Amino acid sequence: MLSAAAAPLAAEEELLSAFGRMYNFDFPAAHRIVDGYVTRNPDEPLGYVARGSAYLFGEMDRLGILETDFFLNDDRISDKKKLKPDPKVRDAFYWATAQAKERSEKRLATNSNDKNALLAIAITYGMLTDYGAFVEKRQLASLSYAKQSQAYAVRLLAIDPSYADAHLTTGISEYLLGSLPFFVKWFVKFEQTKGSKDQAVRNLKVVAEKGRYFGPFARILLAVVALREKRKPEARAWLEGLVRDYPSNPLLRRELTKLAQHR
């Protein structure tokens, strides 16, 4: 039996293992690990964040949304042509995010400075943003989720500026606002966000270097940002590192091969 001191460390390693399987696109294994984690940690919202992330990544991969060609083409992002999400995955994703929100809010009602709960709810609203914007094509409606994600991340960083994973949300918010047409910015306000793409990159690099759970995701986003900003050598470096660390991820290998063919 684990000691009281060792149990939290073991739980965190189990959660990290689930995220690792997810980044290798082994979604069934990620879900199996999460099953055990939530059984042993039923009140911990990050378990449901991991589950929601696995559903989200799996569905976005199936629909071709994670390919760089999608993110490099603004017309494809904004295109209102309906995709065909799997209704079972959709229900499971929304259930997982609801569970994460419920547990986060319960813990924050007891302790408003609970860092894990603040991170969990910030990432949960971020996942809802992505599903709404990219899968359901509700870009404008999803902005309300994005603003809530940013607000919780700002709260967390005010408590602990060194909490690297929280910069995932602030980095995405900076880049999102910086990419909006100028006239739209008059109507869209994010807390402590100026719309600086340079600041977005700095924030994402903090996550890439120091993040516990979302470092690899930040590296993927940095590769996409580099491609959008026409910095192919930088994008190649990010992708090469990701392929080295997650060799079972077929998407990363395809994207690196595609980049090599278009030097």
Protein backbone atom coordinates (compact mmCIF):
# COMPACT_ATOMS: atom_id res chain seq x y z
CA MET A 1 0.00 0.00 0.00
CA LEU A 2 1.28 3.47 -0.88
CA SER A 3 2.01 5.92 1.89
CA ALA A 4 -0.07 9.06 2.19
CA ALA A 5 2.85 11.09 0.81
CA ALA A 6 3.45 8.77 -2.15
CA ALA A 7 -0.19 8.45 -3.22
CA PRO A 8 -0.51 11.92 -4.83
CA LEU A 9 2.72 11.37 -6.76
CA ALA A 10 1.50 8.00 -8.02
CA ALA A 11 -1.81 9.56 -9.07
CA GLU A 12 -0.03 12.31 -10.98
CA GLU A 13 2.20 9.79 -12.76
CA GLU A 14 -0.90 7.82 -13.72
CA LEU A 15 -2.49 10.95 -15.14
CA LEU A 16 0.70 11.83 -17.02
CA SER A 17 0.70 8.32 -18.47
CA ALA A 18 -2.83 8.87 -19.79
CA PHE A 19 -1.80 12.11 -21.47
CA GLY A 20 1.28 10.38 -22.89
CA ARG A 21 -0.86 7.70 -24.52
CA MET A 22 -3.14 10.42 -25.88
CA TYR A 23 -0.21 12.27 -27.47
CA ASN A 24 0.78 8.98 -29.11
CA PHE A 25 -2.80 8.81 -30.40
CA ASP A 26 -3.41 5.57 -28.50
CA PHE A 27 -6.82 6.76 -27.38
CA PRO A 28 -8.18 3.39 -26.15
CA ALA A 29 -5.18 3.02 -23.83
CA ALA A 30 -5.59 6.61 -22.61
CA HIS A 31 -9.22 5.90 -21.72
CA ARG A 32 -8.28 2.68 -19.89
CA ILE A 33 -5.76 4.54 -17.75
CA VAL A 34 -8.28 7.30 -17.05
CA ASP A 35 -10.83 4.66 -16.01
CA GLY A 36 -8.49 3.51 -13.26
CA TYR A 37 -7.53 7.05 -12.31
CA VAL A 38 -11.09 8.33 -11.83
CA THR A 39 -12.01 5.18 -9.90
CA ARG A 40 -9.24 5.94 -7.40
CA ASN A 41 -9.66 9.74 -7.56
CA PRO A 42 -13.39 10.31 -8.10
CA ASP A 43 -13.38 13.95 -6.99
CA GLU A 44 -10.35 15.03 -9.07
CA PRO A 45 -11.47 17.06 -12.12
CA LEU A 46 -8.22 16.57 -14.07
CA GLY A 47 -9.15 12.95 -14.72
CA TYR A 48 -12.20 14.11 -16.63
CA VAL A 49 -10.11 16.73 -18.39
CA ALA A 50 -7.88 13.90 -19.64
CA ARG A 51 -10.93 11.92 -20.73
CA GLY A 52 -12.44 14.91 -22.54
CA SER A 53 -9.09 15.63 -24.19
CA ALA A 54 -8.87 12.08 -25.52
CA TYR A 55 -12.37 12.30 -26.98
CA LEU A 56 -11.63 15.73 -28.47
CA PHE A 57 -8.27 14.77 -30.03
CA GLY A 58 -9.66 11.50 -31.37
CA GLU A 59 -12.63 13.15 -33.02
CA MET A 60 -10.63 16.05 -34.42
CA ASP A 61 -8.14 13.57 -35.88
CA ARG A 62 -10.92 11.51 -37.46
CA LEU A 63 -12.40 14.62 -39.06
CA GLY A 64 -9.04 15.84 -40.38
CA ILE A 65 -9.11 18.95 -38.19
CA LEU A 66 -5.68 18.35 -36.65
CA GLU A 67 -3.88 18.42 -40.00
CA THR A 68 -1.79 21.55 -40.51
CA ASP A 69 -3.50 22.15 -43.87
CA PHE A 70 -6.66 22.84 -41.89
CA PHE A 71 -5.08 25.40 -39.58
CA LEU A 72 -3.13 27.09 -42.37
CA ASN A 73 -6.28 27.78 -44.36
CA ASP A 74 -8.48 30.39 -42.71
CA ASP A 75 -11.27 29.62 -45.17
CA ARG A 76 -11.36 26.01 -43.96
CA ILE A 77 -11.46 27.14 -40.34
CA SER A 78 -14.32 29.59 -40.93
CA ASP A 79 -16.15 27.43 -43.48
CA LYS A 80 -19.65 26.71 -42.21
CA LYS A 81 -19.90 23.46 -44.13
CA LYS A 82 -21.14 20.98 -41.59
CA LEU A 83 -18.90 18.15 -40.50
CA LYS A 84 -20.31 14.84 -39.33
CA PRO A 85 -19.26 14.38 -35.71
CA ASP A 86 -19.84 10.98 -34.15
CA PRO A 87 -22.94 11.47 -31.95
CA LYS A 88 -21.71 8.96 -29.36
CA VAL A 89 -18.35 10.71 -29.07
CA ARG A 90 -20.10 14.08 -28.91
CA ASP A 91 -22.27 12.90 -26.00
CA ALA A 92 -19.27 11.35 -24.24
CA PHE A 93 -17.21 14.52 -24.72
CA TYR A 94 -19.91 16.79 -23.32
CA TRP A 95 -20.46 14.39 -20.42
CA ALA A 96 -16.74 14.40 -19.57
CA THR A 97 -16.52 18.21 -19.70
CA ALA A 98 -19.64 18.51 -17.54
CA GLN A 99 -18.05 16.19 -14.96
CA ALA A 100 -14.82 18.21 -15.01
CA LYS A 101 -16.72 21.50 -14.54
CA GLU A 102 -18.89 20.09 -11.75
CA ARG A 103 -15.90 18.80 -9.78
CA SER A 104 -13.86 21.95 -10.37
CA GLU A 105 -16.68 24.22 -9.23
CA LYS A 106 -17.29 22.07 -6.14
CA ARG A 107 -13.65 22.28 -5.11
CA LEU A 108 -13.45 26.01 -5.84
CA ALA A 109 -16.52 26.58 -3.68
CA THR A 110 -14.52 25.13 -0.79
CA ASN A 111 -11.16 26.65 -1.73
CA SER A 112 -11.15 29.42 -4.35
CA ASN A 113 -7.36 29.04 -4.67
CA ASP A 114 -7.40 25.35 -5.59
CA LYS A 115 -4.82 25.36 -8.40
CA ASN A 116 -5.71 21.98 -9.89
CA ALA A 117 -9.38 22.94 -10.01
CA LEU A 118 -8.59 26.29 -11.66
CA LEU A 119 -6.43 24.60 -14.27
CA ALA A 120 -9.05 21.92 -14.88
CA ILE A 121 -11.89 24.38 -15.46
CA ALA A 122 -9.72 26.65 -17.63
CA ILE A 123 -8.76 23.72 -19.86
CA THR A 124 -12.34 22.43 -19.87
CA TYR A 125 -13.63 25.71 -21.27
CA GLY A 126 -10.74 25.60 -23.75
CA MET A 127 -11.87 22.16 -24.94
CA LEU A 128 -15.44 23.41 -25.29
CA THR A 129 -14.07 26.29 -27.37
CA ASP A 130 -12.27 23.91 -29.72
CA TYR A 131 -15.19 21.52 -30.11
CA GLY A 132 -17.64 24.36 -30.68
CA ALA A 133 -15.42 26.25 -33.14
CA PHE A 134 -13.86 23.43 -35.16
CA VAL A 135 -16.28 20.51 -34.95
CA GLU A 136 -19.65 22.23 -34.62
CA LYS A 137 -18.58 25.32 -36.60
CA ARG A 138 -19.94 27.73 -33.99
CA GLN A 139 -16.97 30.10 -34.00
CA LEU A 140 -18.65 33.19 -32.58
CA ALA A 141 -20.59 31.26 -29.94
CA SER A 142 -17.41 29.48 -28.87
CA LEU A 143 -15.76 32.82 -28.00
CA SER A 144 -17.75 32.93 -24.76
CA TYR A 145 -16.08 29.67 -23.72
CA ALA A 146 -12.68 31.06 -24.71
CA LYS A 147 -13.20 34.13 -22.54
CA GLN A 148 -14.15 31.97 -19.54
CA SER A 149 -11.10 29.79 -20.10
CA GLN A 150 -8.90 32.88 -20.10
CA ALA A 151 -10.51 34.28 -16.94
CA TYR A 152 -9.81 31.10 -14.94
CA ALA A 153 -6.24 30.89 -16.26
CA VAL A 154 -5.62 34.50 -15.20
CA ARG A 155 -6.94 33.67 -11.72
CA LEU A 156 -4.59 30.70 -11.48
CA LEU A 157 -1.54 32.67 -12.61
CA ALA A 158 -2.34 35.42 -10.11
CA ILE A 159 -2.09 32.79 -7.37
CA ASP A 160 0.93 30.98 -8.81
CA PRO A 161 2.79 32.66 -11.72
CA SER A 162 4.99 29.57 -12.05
CA TYR A 163 2.06 27.28 -12.89
CA ALA A 164 3.28 26.68 -16.44
CA ASP A 165 0.32 24.71 -17.84
CA ALA A 166 -1.97 27.72 -17.29
CA HIS A 167 -0.03 29.59 -19.97
CA LEU A 168 -1.55 27.26 -22.56
CA THR A 169 -4.80 29.19 -22.29
CA THR A 170 -3.16 32.61 -22.17
CA GLY A 171 -1.03 31.77 -25.21
CA ILE A 172 -4.02 30.58 -27.22
CA SER A 173 -6.01 33.68 -26.19
CA GLU A 174 -3.22 36.01 -27.29
CA TYR A 175 -2.90 34.33 -30.67
CA LEU A 176 -6.65 34.07 -31.18
CA LEU A 177 -7.21 37.75 -30.46
CA GLY A 178 -4.18 38.70 -32.53
CA SER A 179 -5.61 36.79 -35.51
CA LEU A 180 -9.06 38.38 -35.45
CA PRO A 181 -9.93 41.13 -37.95
CA PHE A 182 -9.38 44.56 -36.46
CA PHE A 183 -13.05 45.52 -36.38
CA VAL A 184 -13.94 42.33 -34.50
CA LYS A 185 -11.45 43.22 -31.75
CA TRP A 186 -13.62 46.18 -30.80
CA PHE A 187 -16.30 43.73 -29.67
CA VAL A 188 -14.18 40.88 -28.30
CA LYS A 189 -12.37 41.46 -25.02
CA PHE A 190 -10.21 38.92 -23.23
CA GLU A 191 -8.97 39.53 -19.71
CA GLN A 192 -5.31 40.67 -19.64
CA THR A 193 -4.92 39.97 -23.36
CA LYS A 194 -3.61 42.41 -25.97
CA GLY A 195 -3.65 40.20 -29.04
CA SER A 196 0.14 39.97 -29.36
CA LYS A 197 1.32 37.01 -31.43
CA ASP A 198 4.82 37.43 -30.01
CA GLN A 199 3.43 37.18 -26.48
CA ALA A 200 1.39 34.16 -27.55
CA VAL A 201 4.57 32.39 -28.63
CA ARG A 202 6.34 33.31 -25.38
CA ASN A 203 3.46 31.93 -23.34
CA LEU A 204 3.30 28.70 -25.32
CA LYS A 205 7.06 28.22 -24.98
CA VAL A 206 6.67 28.35 -21.19
CA VAL A 207 4.22 25.45 -21.44
CA ALA A 208 6.41 23.59 -23.93
CA GLU A 209 9.41 23.82 -21.61
CA LYS A 210 7.82 23.44 -18.18
CA GLY A 211 4.23 22.22 -18.54
CA ARG A 212 3.35 18.97 -16.79
CA TYR A 213 0.34 17.90 -18.84
CA PHE A 214 0.14 20.15 -21.88
CA GLY A 215 3.78 20.64 -22.89
CA PRO A 216 3.46 18.42 -25.99
CA PHE A 217 0.23 20.15 -27.04
CA ALA A 218 1.96 23.52 -26.73
CA ARG A 219 4.75 22.23 -28.99
CA ILE A 220 2.16 21.18 -31.58
CA LEU A 221 0.60 24.64 -31.43
CA LEU A 222 4.03 26.26 -31.76
CA ALA A 223 4.67 24.22 -34.90
CA VAL A 224 1.34 25.38 -36.35
CA VAL A 225 2.06 29.00 -35.42
CA ALA A 226 5.51 28.78 -37.04
CA LEU A 227 3.96 27.45 -40.25
CA ARG A 228 1.30 30.16 -40.26
CA GLU A 229 4.01 32.78 -39.82
CA LYS A 230 6.13 31.26 -42.64
CA ARG A 231 8.92 30.02 -40.34
CA LYS A 232 9.36 26.52 -41.76
CA PRO A 233 12.73 25.65 -40.14
CA GLU A 234 11.27 26.41 -36.72
CA ALA A 235 8.18 24.34 -37.46
CA ARG A 236 10.37 21.47 -38.63
CA ALA A 237 12.37 21.57 -35.40
CA TRP A 238 9.22 21.38 -33.27
CA LEU A 239 7.83 18.49 -35.34
CA GLU A 240 11.10 16.56 -35.28
CA GLY A 241 11.16 16.74 -31.49
CA LEU A 242 7.55 15.62 -31.26
CA VAL A 243 8.10 12.68 -33.62
CA ARG A 244 11.11 11.64 -31.56
CA ASP A 245 9.14 11.77 -28.31
CA TYR A 246 5.88 10.30 -29.68
CA PRO A 247 6.93 7.87 -32.42
CA SER A 248 3.57 6.09 -32.46
CA ASN A 249 1.68 9.24 -33.48
CA PRO A 250 1.02 8.83 -37.23
CA LEU A 251 -0.21 12.40 -37.71
CA LEU A 252 3.05 13.94 -36.51
CA ARG A 253 5.07 11.74 -38.86
CA ARG A 254 2.84 12.63 -41.80
CA GLU A 255 3.11 16.33 -41.07
CA LEU A 256 6.90 16.18 -40.82
CA THR A 257 7.09 14.26 -44.12
CA LYS A 258 4.77 16.77 -45.76
CA LEU A 259 6.92 19.66 -44.55
CA ALA A 260 10.10 17.99 -45.87
CA GLN A 261 8.50 17.64 -49.30
CA HIS A 262 7.75 21.38 -49.51
CA ARG A 263 11.07 22.98 -48.67
